[in-house]
Protein backbone atom coordinates (compact mmCIF):
# COMPACT_ATOMS: atom_id res chain seq x y z
CA MET A 1 -37.61 -182.69 -39.39
CA ASP A 2 -38.27 -181.53 -35.82
CA ILE A 3 -38.14 -177.76 -35.31
CA LEU A 4 -38.08 -175.89 -32.01
CA VAL A 5 -39.59 -172.40 -32.05
CA ARG A 6 -39.06 -170.11 -29.07
CA ALA A 7 -42.10 -167.85 -29.12
CA PRO A 8 -42.26 -164.27 -27.78
CA ASN A 9 -43.22 -163.72 -24.15
CA TRP A 10 -46.20 -161.38 -24.63
CA ILE A 11 -49.65 -162.11 -26.05
CA GLY A 12 -49.53 -159.40 -28.71
CA ASP A 13 -46.09 -160.42 -29.92
CA ALA A 14 -47.16 -164.07 -29.92
CA VAL A 15 -50.09 -163.20 -32.21
CA LEU A 16 -47.80 -161.22 -34.51
CA CYS A 17 -45.37 -164.13 -34.92
CA LEU A 18 -48.12 -166.46 -36.25
CA PRO A 19 -47.59 -165.53 -39.94
CA ALA A 20 -43.89 -166.40 -39.54
CA ILE A 21 -44.78 -169.80 -38.08
CA LYS A 22 -47.07 -170.37 -41.06
CA GLU A 23 -44.20 -169.52 -43.43
CA LEU A 24 -41.84 -171.78 -41.47
CA LYS A 25 -44.25 -174.66 -41.94
CA ALA A 26 -44.52 -173.85 -45.65
CA LEU A 27 -40.73 -174.06 -45.88
CA HIS A 28 -40.77 -177.46 -44.16
CA PRO A 29 -44.23 -178.98 -44.82
CA ASP A 30 -43.29 -182.39 -43.39
CA SER A 31 -41.80 -180.98 -40.20
CA ASN A 32 -43.05 -181.14 -36.63
CA ILE A 33 -42.98 -177.67 -35.10
CA THR A 34 -42.79 -177.47 -31.31
CA VAL A 35 -43.49 -174.05 -29.81
CA LEU A 36 -41.78 -173.25 -26.51
CA THR A 37 -43.72 -170.42 -24.88
CA ARG A 38 -44.70 -168.89 -21.58
CA ARG A 39 -47.84 -170.16 -19.85
CA TRP A 40 -49.90 -167.02 -20.50
CA THR A 41 -49.24 -167.04 -24.27
CA ALA A 42 -49.72 -170.76 -24.90
CA GLY A 43 -53.39 -170.26 -25.85
CA VAL A 44 -52.38 -168.22 -28.90
CA PHE A 45 -50.92 -171.35 -30.51
CA GLU A 46 -53.65 -173.85 -29.59
CA ASN A 47 -55.51 -175.51 -32.49
CA ASN A 48 -52.99 -174.05 -34.95
CA PRO A 49 -52.57 -176.53 -37.84
CA HIS A 50 -48.93 -175.50 -38.29
CA VAL A 51 -47.96 -176.34 -34.70
CA SER A 52 -47.45 -179.97 -33.65
CA GLU A 53 -46.79 -179.41 -29.95
CA ILE A 54 -46.83 -176.63 -27.37
CA LEU A 55 -44.39 -176.70 -24.46
CA GLU A 56 -44.95 -174.23 -21.66
CA PHE A 57 -41.82 -172.61 -20.28
CA ASP A 58 -42.73 -172.15 -16.62
CA ALA A 59 -39.92 -169.92 -15.35
CA ASP A 60 -41.69 -169.40 -12.02
CA GLY A 61 -42.55 -173.06 -11.45
CA ARG A 62 -41.10 -176.33 -12.64
CA HIS A 63 -38.47 -174.57 -14.78
CA SER A 64 -37.29 -172.10 -12.14
CA GLY A 65 -33.71 -172.06 -10.90
CA LEU A 66 -30.83 -174.27 -11.98
CA ARG A 67 -32.74 -177.50 -11.26
CA GLY A 68 -35.68 -176.28 -13.34
CA ARG A 69 -33.48 -175.35 -16.28
CA LEU A 70 -31.90 -178.81 -16.20
CA PHE A 71 -35.39 -180.28 -16.23
CA LEU A 72 -36.19 -178.15 -19.31
CA LEU A 73 -32.99 -179.38 -20.97
CA ARG A 74 -34.07 -182.99 -20.42
CA GLU A 75 -37.55 -182.26 -21.81
CA LEU A 76 -36.13 -180.71 -24.97
CA LYS A 77 -33.38 -183.29 -25.41
CA GLN A 78 -35.95 -186.09 -25.70
CA ARG A 79 -37.30 -184.52 -28.89
CA ARG A 80 -33.98 -184.43 -30.79
CA PHE A 81 -34.60 -181.18 -32.68
CA ASN A 82 -32.89 -180.60 -36.04
CA LYS A 83 -33.45 -176.85 -36.06
CA ALA A 84 -34.20 -174.06 -33.57
CA VAL A 85 -35.76 -170.76 -34.62
CA PHE A 86 -35.78 -167.95 -32.07
CA PHE A 87 -38.55 -165.34 -32.26
CA GLN A 88 -37.61 -164.33 -28.73
CA ASN A 89 -34.30 -162.60 -28.08
CA SER A 90 -32.98 -164.09 -24.86
CA PHE A 91 -29.40 -165.30 -24.50
CA GLU A 92 -30.60 -168.23 -22.41
CA ILE A 93 -32.63 -170.01 -25.11
CA ALA A 94 -29.70 -169.79 -27.54
CA LEU A 95 -27.42 -171.29 -24.90
CA ILE A 96 -29.89 -174.10 -24.21
CA ALA A 97 -30.13 -174.90 -27.93
CA CYS A 98 -26.33 -174.89 -28.12
CA LEU A 99 -26.03 -177.25 -25.14
CA LEU A 100 -28.57 -179.53 -26.82
CA ARG A 101 -26.36 -179.51 -29.94
CA ILE A 102 -29.27 -178.58 -32.19
CA PRO A 103 -27.52 -178.42 -35.60
CA GLU A 104 -29.20 -175.22 -36.86
CA ARG A 105 -29.85 -172.25 -34.54
CA ILE A 106 -31.41 -169.22 -36.19
CA GLY A 107 -32.32 -165.78 -34.87
CA TYR A 108 -31.24 -162.19 -34.32
CA ALA A 109 -27.85 -161.65 -32.69
CA ARG A 110 -29.35 -159.82 -29.74
CA ASN A 111 -28.11 -159.90 -26.14
CA MET A 112 -24.61 -161.06 -27.07
CA ARG A 113 -25.82 -164.43 -28.34
CA GLY A 114 -24.41 -164.15 -31.88
CA PRO A 115 -21.63 -166.75 -31.32
CA LEU A 116 -24.27 -169.28 -30.23
CA LEU A 117 -26.17 -169.05 -33.53
CA THR A 118 -25.39 -170.91 -36.75
CA LYS A 119 -27.35 -168.38 -38.82
CA VAL A 120 -27.51 -164.75 -37.74
CA ILE A 121 -30.42 -162.71 -39.10
CA GLU A 122 -29.96 -158.99 -39.70
CA PRO A 123 -33.01 -156.70 -39.37
CA VAL A 124 -34.07 -155.39 -42.80
CA ASP A 125 -35.34 -152.04 -41.58
CA ASP A 126 -35.33 -149.93 -38.48
CA PRO A 127 -38.05 -151.76 -36.46
CA ARG A 128 -39.65 -148.40 -35.57
CA ARG A 129 -40.49 -147.86 -39.24
CA ARG A 130 -42.02 -151.23 -40.09
CA HIS A 131 -44.77 -153.19 -38.44
CA HIS A 132 -43.55 -155.65 -35.84
CA VAL A 133 -45.12 -158.58 -37.72
CA TYR A 134 -42.21 -158.22 -40.17
CA TYR A 135 -39.70 -158.53 -37.35
CA TYR A 136 -40.61 -162.24 -37.24
CA LEU A 137 -41.25 -162.70 -40.97
CA ASN A 138 -37.77 -161.31 -41.62
CA ILE A 139 -36.37 -164.40 -39.87
CA THR A 140 -38.26 -166.92 -41.99
CA GLY A 141 -37.67 -164.74 -45.06
CA ALA A 142 -33.92 -165.02 -44.53
CA MET A 143 -34.42 -168.78 -44.38
CA GLY A 144 -35.97 -168.73 -47.86
CA GLY A 145 -39.64 -168.20 -47.00
CA ASP A 146 -42.08 -165.72 -48.51
CA ILE A 147 -42.78 -162.36 -46.89
CA PRO A 148 -46.46 -161.54 -47.59
CA GLU A 149 -47.34 -157.96 -48.50
CA ALA A 150 -50.25 -157.83 -46.05
CA PRO A 151 -49.75 -160.60 -43.48
CA LEU A 152 -52.67 -161.30 -41.18
CA PRO A 153 -52.32 -163.67 -38.21
CA ASP A 154 -54.85 -166.49 -38.05
CA LEU A 155 -56.34 -167.76 -34.77
CA HIS A 156 -58.15 -171.09 -34.75
CA ILE A 157 -61.25 -171.69 -32.62
CA LYS A 158 -62.77 -175.14 -32.12
CA ASP A 159 -66.49 -175.90 -32.30
CA ARG A 160 -66.58 -176.79 -28.61
CA GLU A 161 -65.07 -173.40 -27.76
CA ARG A 162 -67.68 -171.64 -29.86
CA ALA A 163 -70.33 -173.73 -28.10
CA TRP A 164 -68.95 -172.58 -24.75
CA ALA A 165 -69.12 -168.94 -25.86
CA GLY A 166 -72.71 -169.42 -27.02
CA ASP A 167 -73.68 -170.98 -23.69
CA PHE A 168 -71.91 -168.19 -21.80
CA LEU A 169 -73.80 -165.47 -23.66
CA ARG A 170 -77.09 -167.29 -23.25
CA ASP A 171 -76.49 -167.57 -19.51
CA THR A 172 -75.84 -163.83 -19.27
CA GLY A 173 -79.23 -163.15 -20.82
CA VAL A 174 -77.84 -160.98 -23.64
CA GLY A 175 -80.55 -160.40 -26.23
CA ARG A 176 -80.10 -160.72 -30.00
CA ASP A 177 -80.90 -157.02 -30.42
CA GLU A 178 -78.22 -155.95 -27.94
CA MET A 179 -74.74 -154.83 -28.96
CA ILE A 180 -71.93 -156.53 -27.03
CA VAL A 181 -69.09 -154.08 -26.43
CA GLY A 182 -65.80 -155.37 -25.06
CA VAL A 183 -63.74 -152.89 -23.04
CA LEU A 184 -60.13 -153.34 -21.96
CA PRO A 185 -59.11 -150.42 -19.69
CA GLY A 186 -55.78 -151.92 -18.56
CA ALA A 187 -52.43 -152.62 -20.22
CA SER A 188 -49.67 -154.79 -18.78
CA TYR A 189 -46.92 -152.60 -20.27
CA GLY A 190 -47.65 -149.71 -17.92
CA PRO A 191 -49.68 -146.50 -17.37
CA ALA A 192 -48.21 -144.80 -20.46
CA LYS A 193 -50.47 -147.13 -22.47
CA MET A 194 -53.62 -146.65 -20.39
CA TRP A 195 -56.35 -144.17 -21.30
CA SER A 196 -58.53 -142.98 -18.42
CA PRO A 197 -61.43 -145.04 -16.98
CA GLU A 198 -63.54 -141.89 -17.33
CA GLY A 199 -62.85 -141.89 -21.06
CA PHE A 200 -63.87 -145.53 -21.56
CA ALA A 201 -67.00 -144.97 -19.46
CA GLY A 202 -67.96 -141.95 -21.54
CA VAL A 203 -67.63 -143.83 -24.83
CA VAL A 204 -69.75 -146.75 -23.62
CA ASP A 205 -72.44 -144.41 -22.32
CA HIS A 206 -72.43 -142.53 -25.65
CA LEU A 207 -72.90 -145.85 -27.48
CA GLY A 208 -75.77 -146.64 -25.12
CA LYS A 209 -77.65 -143.68 -26.59
CA GLU A 210 -77.34 -145.19 -30.08
CA ALA A 211 -78.21 -148.83 -29.35
CA ARG A 212 -78.91 -151.33 -26.59
CA VAL A 213 -75.40 -151.92 -25.28
CA VAL A 214 -74.06 -154.68 -23.04
CA PRO A 215 -70.46 -153.93 -21.96
CA PHE A 216 -68.08 -156.76 -21.06
CA ILE A 217 -65.05 -155.53 -19.08
CA PHE A 218 -61.97 -157.65 -19.81
CA GLY A 219 -58.51 -157.88 -18.29
CA GLY A 220 -56.27 -159.94 -16.06
CA ARG A 221 -56.18 -160.17 -12.29
CA ASP A 222 -53.97 -157.07 -12.18
CA ASP A 223 -56.73 -155.04 -13.86
CA THR A 224 -59.28 -155.52 -11.07
CA GLU A 225 -58.76 -152.07 -9.58
CA ILE A 226 -58.95 -150.16 -12.85
CA ALA A 227 -62.04 -152.16 -13.83
CA LYS A 228 -63.64 -151.11 -10.55
CA ARG A 229 -62.86 -147.46 -11.29
CA LEU A 230 -64.42 -147.88 -14.74
CA ILE A 231 -67.62 -149.44 -13.39
CA GLU A 232 -68.02 -146.64 -10.86
CA ARG A 233 -68.03 -144.10 -13.68
CA MET A 234 -70.34 -145.91 -16.10
CA LYS A 235 -74.10 -145.44 -16.21
CA THR A 236 -74.51 -148.64 -18.23
CA ARG A 237 -74.67 -151.94 -16.35
CA ALA A 238 -71.75 -154.17 -17.31
CA PHE A 239 -70.39 -157.69 -16.87
CA VAL A 240 -66.96 -157.59 -15.23
CA LEU A 241 -64.79 -160.48 -16.42
CA THR A 242 -61.36 -159.31 -15.27
CA GLY A 243 -59.34 -162.26 -14.02
CA ARG A 244 -62.15 -164.73 -14.73
CA LEU A 245 -61.32 -166.07 -18.19
CA THR A 246 -58.57 -168.21 -19.64
CA LEU A 247 -56.96 -166.91 -22.81
CA ARG A 248 -58.81 -169.48 -24.91
CA GLU A 249 -62.12 -168.48 -23.33
CA PHE A 250 -61.39 -164.85 -24.10
CA ILE A 251 -60.60 -165.71 -27.74
CA ALA A 252 -63.85 -167.67 -28.14
CA LEU A 253 -65.89 -164.90 -26.52
CA ALA A 254 -64.06 -162.14 -28.39
CA GLU A 255 -65.21 -163.61 -31.70
CA ARG A 256 -68.80 -162.82 -30.66
CA LEU A 257 -68.21 -159.15 -29.83
CA ASP A 258 -69.79 -156.38 -31.88
CA LEU A 259 -67.12 -153.88 -30.87
CA PHE A 260 -63.88 -153.82 -28.85
CA ILE A 261 -62.51 -150.64 -27.28
CA THR A 262 -59.02 -151.03 -25.88
CA ASN A 263 -55.61 -149.70 -25.12
CA ASP A 264 -52.60 -150.99 -27.07
CA SER A 265 -52.60 -154.57 -25.75
CA GLY A 266 -52.45 -158.26 -26.58
CA PRO A 267 -56.26 -158.63 -26.64
CA MET A 268 -56.34 -155.74 -29.12
CA HIS A 269 -54.39 -157.89 -31.60
CA ILE A 270 -56.64 -160.89 -30.94
CA CYS A 271 -59.86 -158.99 -31.63
CA ALA A 272 -58.44 -157.25 -34.70
CA VAL A 273 -57.36 -160.48 -36.42
CA LEU A 274 -60.69 -162.12 -35.54
CA GLY A 275 -62.42 -159.39 -37.55
CA VAL A 276 -64.03 -157.68 -34.57
CA PRO A 277 -64.49 -153.90 -35.08
CA THR A 278 -61.68 -152.59 -32.89
CA VAL A 279 -60.87 -149.10 -31.63
CA ALA A 280 -57.42 -148.80 -30.05
CA VAL A 281 -56.19 -145.86 -27.98
CA PHE A 282 -52.43 -145.31 -28.32
CA GLY A 283 -50.25 -143.26 -25.99
CA SER A 284 -46.52 -143.89 -25.66
CA THR A 285 -46.32 -146.64 -28.28
CA ASP A 286 -46.18 -146.44 -32.08
CA PRO A 287 -49.19 -147.67 -34.07
CA GLU A 288 -47.01 -147.90 -37.19
CA VAL A 289 -45.11 -150.68 -35.42
CA THR A 290 -47.58 -152.35 -33.05
CA GLY A 291 -50.96 -151.20 -34.35
CA PRO A 292 -53.79 -153.73 -34.78
CA LEU A 293 -53.93 -155.72 -38.03
CA GLY A 294 -57.42 -156.16 -39.43
CA ARG A 295 -60.02 -154.77 -41.80
CA GLU A 296 -62.12 -152.93 -39.22
CA VAL A 297 -59.71 -151.17 -36.92
CA ARG A 298 -59.25 -147.57 -35.90
CA VAL A 299 -56.36 -146.09 -33.93
CA VAL A 300 -56.94 -142.94 -31.88
CA ARG A 301 -53.85 -141.04 -30.78
CA LYS A 302 -52.50 -137.52 -30.33
CA GLU A 303 -49.58 -136.14 -32.30
CA VAL A 304 -47.41 -134.68 -29.56
CA PRO A 305 -43.65 -133.98 -29.85
CA CYS A 306 -42.61 -136.61 -27.31
CA SER A 307 -44.75 -139.48 -28.66
CA PRO A 308 -44.06 -142.26 -29.38
CA CYS A 309 -41.51 -142.48 -26.58
CA LEU A 310 -42.06 -146.22 -25.89
CA LYS A 311 -41.82 -145.57 -22.14
CA ARG A 312 -43.82 -147.48 -19.53
CA THR A 313 -44.44 -144.31 -17.55
CA CYS A 314 -44.41 -140.72 -18.74
CA PRO A 315 -40.94 -139.24 -18.01
CA TYR A 316 -42.59 -135.81 -17.65
CA GLY A 317 -45.46 -136.98 -15.48
CA HIS A 318 -48.26 -135.35 -17.49
CA TYR A 319 -49.22 -138.14 -19.97
CA GLU A 320 -50.21 -135.51 -22.55
CA CYS A 321 -50.46 -138.11 -25.34
CA LEU A 322 -53.31 -139.83 -23.47
CA ARG A 323 -54.79 -136.94 -21.52
CA ASP A 324 -55.73 -134.95 -24.63
CA ILE A 325 -57.67 -137.81 -26.30
CA THR A 326 -61.38 -137.01 -25.97
CA VAL A 327 -64.42 -139.21 -25.53
CA GLU A 328 -65.82 -137.78 -28.77
CA GLU A 329 -62.76 -138.87 -30.76
CA VAL A 330 -62.91 -142.48 -29.54
CA PHE A 331 -66.70 -142.57 -29.96
CA LYS A 332 -66.30 -141.39 -33.56
CA GLY A 333 -63.75 -144.16 -34.16
CA ALA A 334 -66.24 -146.68 -32.80
CA MET A 335 -69.03 -145.45 -35.04
CA ASP A 336 -66.71 -145.46 -38.06
CA VAL A 337 -65.76 -149.14 -37.67
CA LEU A 338 -69.36 -150.14 -37.02
CA LYS A 339 -70.53 -148.30 -40.14
CA GLU A 340 -67.76 -150.01 -42.13
CA ARG A 341 -69.01 -153.41 -41.02
CA VAL A 342 -72.57 -152.54 -42.02
CA ARG A 343 -71.27 -151.27 -45.38
CA ARG A 344 -69.58 -154.61 -45.96
CA GLY A 345 -72.80 -156.40 -45.07
CA GLU A 346 -71.13 -158.15 -42.14
CA ARG A 347 -73.59 -157.31 -39.43
CA GLY A 348 -72.47 -158.13 -35.94
CA ARG A 349 -74.22 -160.44 -33.52
CA GLY A 350 -76.11 -157.58 -31.87
CA ARG A 351 -77.69 -156.64 -35.20
CA GLY A 352 -78.90 -160.14 -35.99
CA GLY A 353 -75.77 -162.08 -36.86
CA LEU A 354 -73.82 -163.01 -39.96
CA PRO A 355 -74.92 -164.96 -43.04
CA ALA A 356 -74.21 -168.68 -43.20
CA VAL A 357 -74.74 -171.54 -45.61
CA PHE A 358 -76.26 -174.63 -43.97
CA LEU A 359 -75.43 -177.73 -46.01
CA ASP A 360 -77.02 -181.14 -46.01
CA ARG A 361 -74.27 -183.77 -46.12
CA ASP A 362 -75.18 -186.95 -48.07
CA GLY A 363 -76.17 -186.13 -51.65
CA THR A 364 -75.06 -182.50 -51.33
CA VAL A 365 -71.40 -182.55 -50.26
CA ASN A 366 -70.61 -186.25 -50.63
CA GLU A 367 -72.12 -189.02 -52.75
CA ASP A 368 -75.26 -190.57 -51.24
CA VAL A 369 -74.48 -194.30 -51.15
CA GLY A 370 -76.94 -195.18 -48.39
CA TYR A 371 -76.08 -195.22 -44.71
CA ILE A 372 -72.39 -194.30 -44.34
CA GLY A 373 -70.90 -195.85 -41.23
CA SER A 374 -67.25 -196.05 -42.24
CA PRO A 375 -64.87 -193.36 -43.59
CA GLU A 376 -63.92 -195.53 -46.56
CA ARG A 377 -67.43 -195.13 -48.04
CA LEU A 378 -67.22 -191.34 -48.11
CA THR A 379 -66.58 -189.73 -51.51
CA LEU A 380 -66.92 -186.03 -52.24
CA ILE A 381 -69.17 -184.92 -55.10
CA ASP A 382 -67.17 -183.32 -57.90
CA GLY A 383 -66.72 -179.60 -57.31
CA ALA A 384 -67.97 -179.66 -53.72
CA CYS A 385 -64.60 -178.87 -52.17
CA GLU A 386 -63.96 -175.90 -54.45
CA ALA A 387 -67.51 -174.63 -53.84
CA ILE A 388 -67.02 -174.65 -50.07
CA LYS A 389 -63.63 -172.98 -50.50
CA ARG A 390 -65.35 -170.12 -52.37
CA LEU A 391 -67.61 -169.58 -49.36
CA ASN A 392 -64.59 -169.68 -47.03
CA ARG A 393 -62.84 -167.02 -49.10
CA ALA A 394 -65.92 -164.80 -48.96
CA GLY A 395 -65.98 -165.08 -45.16
CA ILE A 396 -69.30 -167.00 -45.10
CA LYS A 397 -69.80 -169.58 -42.35
CA VAL A 398 -70.31 -173.10 -43.76
CA ILE A 399 -72.18 -175.45 -41.43
CA VAL A 400 -73.38 -179.01 -42.09
CA VAL A 401 -76.79 -179.98 -40.68
CA SER A 402 -77.59 -183.62 -41.32
CA ASN A 403 -80.08 -186.34 -40.38
CA GLN A 404 -78.16 -189.51 -39.44
CA SER A 405 -80.82 -191.98 -38.35
CA GLY A 406 -78.40 -194.86 -38.99
CA VAL A 407 -77.22 -194.29 -35.40
CA GLY A 408 -80.71 -194.64 -33.96
CA ARG A 409 -81.43 -197.66 -36.13
CA GLY A 410 -78.26 -199.37 -34.90
CA TYR A 411 -76.55 -199.54 -38.31
CA PHE A 412 -73.46 -197.79 -36.90
CA SER A 413 -72.39 -196.19 -33.64
CA GLU A 414 -72.04 -192.49 -32.90
CA ASP A 415 -68.25 -192.98 -32.66
CA GLU A 416 -68.27 -194.42 -36.18
CA LEU A 417 -70.31 -191.46 -37.39
CA LEU A 418 -67.78 -189.08 -35.82
CA ARG A 419 -64.99 -190.86 -37.70
CA VAL A 420 -66.93 -190.36 -40.94
CA ASN A 421 -67.35 -186.66 -40.18
CA THR A 422 -63.65 -186.40 -39.35
CA ARG A 423 -62.87 -187.94 -42.73
CA LEU A 424 -65.15 -185.38 -44.37
CA ARG A 425 -63.19 -182.55 -42.76
CA GLU A 426 -59.89 -184.17 -43.83
CA LEU A 427 -60.96 -184.49 -47.46
CA LEU A 428 -62.09 -180.86 -47.56
CA ASP A 429 -58.99 -179.67 -45.73
CA SER A 430 -56.74 -181.39 -48.25
CA GLY A 431 -58.39 -179.24 -50.92
CA GLY A 432 -58.09 -176.03 -48.94
CA ALA A 433 -61.72 -175.91 -47.76
CA ARG A 434 -63.13 -176.05 -44.25
CA LEU A 435 -66.39 -176.48 -42.36
CA ASP A 436 -67.20 -174.17 -39.46
CA GLY A 437 -69.39 -176.79 -37.78
CA ILE A 438 -71.14 -180.15 -38.19
CA TYR A 439 -74.48 -180.82 -36.48
CA TYR A 440 -76.45 -184.04 -36.86
CA CYS A 441 -79.59 -185.74 -35.60
CA PRO A 442 -78.89 -189.37 -34.59
CA HIS A 443 -82.55 -190.29 -34.00
CA ARG A 444 -85.07 -192.33 -35.97
CA PRO A 445 -88.00 -190.48 -37.60
CA GLU A 446 -90.44 -192.06 -35.14
CA ASP A 447 -88.51 -190.83 -32.09
CA GLY A 448 -90.23 -187.45 -32.20
CA CYS A 449 -87.09 -185.38 -31.53
CA ARG A 450 -86.74 -181.67 -32.33
CA CYS A 451 -83.40 -182.04 -34.07
CA ARG A 452 -84.50 -184.10 -37.06
CA LYS A 453 -84.93 -181.94 -40.14
CA PRO A 454 -87.20 -180.19 -40.98
CA ASP A 455 -87.47 -179.39 -37.26
CA THR A 456 -85.18 -176.54 -36.36
CA ALA A 457 -83.08 -177.54 -33.31
CA LEU A 458 -79.88 -178.12 -35.33
CA ILE A 459 -80.12 -174.63 -36.83
CA GLU A 460 -80.86 -173.16 -33.39
CA MET A 461 -77.71 -174.79 -31.99
CA ALA A 462 -75.62 -173.45 -34.85
CA VAL A 463 -77.05 -169.95 -34.42
CA SER A 464 -76.21 -169.99 -30.72
CA ASN A 465 -72.68 -171.26 -31.26
CA HIS A 466 -71.66 -169.26 -34.32
CA GLY A 467 -73.56 -165.97 -34.06
CA VAL A 468 -75.20 -166.37 -37.48
CA ASP A 469 -78.62 -165.14 -38.57
CA PRO A 470 -80.92 -167.62 -40.37
CA GLU A 471 -82.83 -164.77 -42.02
CA VAL A 472 -79.76 -163.78 -44.07
CA SER A 473 -78.63 -167.39 -44.55
CA TYR A 474 -79.19 -170.30 -46.94
CA VAL A 475 -80.11 -173.97 -46.59
CA VAL A 476 -78.75 -176.18 -49.38
CA GLY A 477 -79.80 -179.81 -49.70
CA ASP A 478 -81.20 -182.53 -51.92
CA LYS A 479 -84.42 -183.26 -50.05
CA ALA A 480 -87.80 -181.67 -49.43
CA SER A 481 -86.96 -181.60 -45.72
CA ASP A 482 -84.10 -179.16 -46.45
CA VAL A 483 -86.44 -176.82 -48.32
CA GLU A 484 -88.99 -177.01 -45.49
CA LEU A 485 -86.26 -176.38 -42.90
CA ALA A 486 -85.29 -173.20 -44.75
CA ARG A 487 -88.91 -172.05 -44.75
CA ARG A 488 -89.26 -172.63 -40.99
CA VAL A 489 -86.14 -170.63 -40.07
CA ARG A 490 -86.87 -167.97 -42.74
CA ALA A 491 -83.68 -168.73 -44.68
CA ARG A 492 -83.44 -169.02 -48.47
CA ALA A 493 -83.74 -172.55 -49.84
CA ILE A 494 -81.66 -174.14 -52.58
CA LEU A 495 -82.39 -177.65 -53.84
CA VAL A 496 -79.48 -179.41 -55.56
CA GLU A 497 -80.19 -182.04 -58.21
CA THR A 498 -77.41 -184.30 -56.95
CA GLY A 499 -78.41 -187.09 -54.55
CA HIS A 500 -82.22 -187.30 -54.36
CA GLY A 501 -82.78 -183.79 -55.67
CA LYS A 502 -84.31 -184.59 -59.08
CA LYS A 503 -86.94 -186.84 -57.46
CA GLU A 504 -87.60 -184.63 -54.45
CA VAL A 505 -88.32 -181.50 -56.49
CA LYS A 506 -91.60 -183.13 -57.59
CA MET A 507 -92.73 -183.57 -53.97
CA LEU A 508 -92.23 -180.03 -52.70
CA ASP A 509 -95.08 -178.24 -50.97
CA HIS A 510 -93.20 -174.95 -51.28
CA PRO A 511 -90.82 -174.17 -54.16
CA PRO A 512 -87.18 -173.42 -53.27
CA ASP A 513 -85.62 -170.07 -54.04
CA PHE A 514 -83.32 -171.77 -56.52
CA VAL A 515 -82.79 -175.22 -58.03
CA ALA A 516 -79.10 -175.88 -58.69
CA ARG A 517 -77.39 -178.53 -60.75
CA ASP A 518 -74.93 -179.17 -57.89
CA LEU A 519 -73.27 -177.46 -54.92
CA SER A 520 -70.95 -175.50 -57.17
CA GLN A 521 -73.86 -173.83 -58.97
CA ALA A 522 -75.67 -173.34 -55.66
CA VAL A 523 -72.70 -171.45 -54.18
CA GLY A 524 -72.46 -169.25 -57.26
CA TRP A 525 -76.11 -168.29 -56.77
CA VAL A 526 -75.59 -167.67 -53.03
CA LEU A 527 -72.68 -165.28 -53.60
CA LYS A 528 -74.56 -163.42 -56.33
CA ASP A 529 -77.67 -163.17 -54.14
CA LEU A 530 -75.69 -161.93 -51.11
CA LYS A 531 -74.10 -159.24 -53.24
CA GLU A 532 -77.46 -158.11 -54.65
CA ARG A 533 -78.89 -157.95 -51.12
CA GLY A 534 -76.03 -155.70 -50.00
CA LEU A 535 -74.73 -158.36 -47.61
CA LEU A 536 -71.44 -158.95 -49.39
CA VAL A 537 -69.09 -156.49 -51.01
CA GLY A 538 -66.42 -157.14 -53.62
CA VAL A 539 -67.28 -160.72 -54.64
């Protein structure tokens, strides 16, 4: 089945419709879902495993005017959709789907388009009384899908994007002991959403008294002027990135922030669902409906009789709902979310980074059958997939670091190795587990490189790209080189008895912190140890 989804036009709404797309895919697991979206929201859907294709609706370019709409019709007609689901309320998209004779056309009967739909969805509740994420889930729910009690959108970041973010931060010279604070002083909706530049400046300067702070000022090209006003009022030197980043670059960089202070905006939703401590200032809009979804979020607003009015500009001209919010109130919100992260043991990048588990590959995750140069030779060790899934559920980064000298010896090419690693990801993914990164050394032992374990270059790359801290992390493997690697980066070492482990334990110069029967037992020890160290809560 081929399904067309018309996505919302704004970044925040696009993020909030992601749980509904996930439910739509669950309803039709063998379907191909094509998302039709505006250019500036397309990045929200990139790398999403539930989306097969993204089509950009360029209303100001190739799809403008009558000729452009005909061109769009031809593009869509080629795909022969069986079903169209409208998360956006325009009359035009329903008409296009009708002209294409898509058999099923599903959405709300807004803007007089009811006769063009084959299934009309009625809102369950007054949208002002329920979070907007349910506005989209109500559509898939009426189609037979589940409506989760606490839906949380999921953004997907590729390793190369994380590598870019790591390189970007390294180029800025940000130190590991510095707290990166993102600030978004603008809001595309209008001035009734925008707290004062003086307020944002005051909060950042207050934070600067508590820690070494590096502010990053975000926004689009239209936010250049307000960013300038903010910089003029701040005592802390900042990096101004307004208009300089693509949406995907912002998402990758946002994941590395220690704190995000923002108006009600699309980037607010992105940071919240990425788990970044987020403080959002609300004026004319309603946080019950469009507030950020995440564990570490705080909303600061004033209870005034006329708010929420949902206006772009204040009809009275005094913006009381924003004017009366103080620097101290937003600063307190920032400190609250930061303390909550510390309480959970999820220290941000500026305080040293998050815990990770670095896994050897052959003999630890998959059976060691000698040099593996083809995907067909790869077999997971019993229990390995479930063990990695337990780490995923606990929010622990799982990163493979592996010596693969078969490349340097000429036994197989690097392309063949990449196919093997792709197969590894596929096998884990089929069991609901995932790897956050795979790093390997392709050199022979005699080449004298820095990336061959127990040298530390692979770990250093992973630290730079993923914001993890080796000193609160674990190295798990079946060889003495894995134990020595852990010692060199000051991580905790676990030797597994699968693979070469039973032989290697007799050759260790330094004992590991734990000897495990297999990866499953190793992960159990890791989670117990993290909890005892106060680095993990509730596991």
